[in-house]
């Protein structure tokens, strides 16, 4: 992977977090991955609850 491709991914990641909803994140991560927002967190499964709490009750 070259520097230009990494820079492009980082720019897309930043834009995805600034965009409402989670649709842009689909192009950045694999469907079978699990994600953690902190080292000891239980994490989120791809295709499940949104990474910013979408789907959680207030």
Protein backbone atom coordinates (compact mmCIF):
# COMPACT_ATOMS: atom_id res chain seq x y z
CA UNK A 1 0.00 0.00 0.00
CA UNK A 2 1.47 3.36 -0.95
CA UNK A 3 1.30 6.70 0.84
CA UNK A 4 -1.24 8.19 -1.60
CA UNK A 5 -3.68 5.32 -0.99
CA UNK A 6 -3.29 5.58 2.80
CA UNK A 7 -3.83 9.36 2.68
CA UNK A 8 -6.96 8.79 0.58
CA UNK A 9 -8.35 6.26 3.07
CA UNK A 10 -7.70 8.60 6.00
CA UNK A 11 -9.45 11.47 4.19
CA UNK A 12 -12.45 9.23 3.45
CA UNK A 13 -12.52 8.06 7.09
CA UNK A 14 -12.53 11.64 8.36
CA UNK A 15 -15.29 12.61 5.93
CA UNK A 16 -17.36 9.57 6.94
CA UNK A 17 -17.28 10.62 10.60
CA UNK A 18 -18.38 14.13 9.66
CA UNK A 19 -21.28 12.80 7.58
CA UNK A 20 -24.59 12.00 9.35
CA UNK A 21 -25.43 8.31 9.51
CA UNK A 22 -23.17 5.33 8.93
CA UNK A 23 -23.56 4.64 5.21
CA UNK A 24 -20.13 6.05 4.22
CA UNK A 25 -18.41 3.67 6.65
CA UNK A 26 -19.47 0.66 4.57
CA UNK A 27 -16.82 1.48 1.96
CA UNK A 28 -14.05 1.79 4.57
CA UNK A 29 -14.35 -1.46 6.53
CA UNK A 30 -14.94 -5.12 5.71
CA UNK A 31 -18.34 -6.68 6.37
CA UNK A 32 -16.96 -9.42 8.65
CA UNK A 33 -14.85 -7.18 10.89
CA UNK A 34 -15.52 -6.21 14.48
CA UNK A 35 -14.59 -2.75 15.73
CA UNK A 36 -13.51 -1.40 19.09
CA UNK A 37 -13.55 2.24 20.09
CA UNK A 38 -11.39 1.50 23.14
CA UNK A 39 -9.04 -1.30 24.12
CA UNK A 40 -11.28 -2.82 26.79
CA UNK A 41 -14.60 -2.14 25.06
CA UNK A 42 -16.71 -5.09 23.91
CA UNK A 43 -16.78 -3.63 20.40
CA UNK A 44 -19.36 -3.61 17.63
CA UNK A 45 -20.01 -6.18 14.95
CA UNK A 46 -20.16 -5.05 11.34
CA UNK A 47 -23.71 -4.69 10.13
CA UNK A 48 -25.00 -4.27 13.66
CA UNK A 49 -25.51 -1.22 15.79
CA UNK A 50 -23.99 1.97 14.41
CA UNK A 51 -20.57 3.06 15.65
CA UNK A 52 -21.92 6.34 17.00
CA UNK A 53 -24.77 4.78 18.93
CA UNK A 54 -27.37 4.69 16.15
CA UNK A 55 -29.93 2.13 17.16
CA UNK A 56 -29.45 2.65 20.89
CA UNK A 57 -32.29 3.88 23.01
CA UNK A 58 -31.70 7.28 24.60
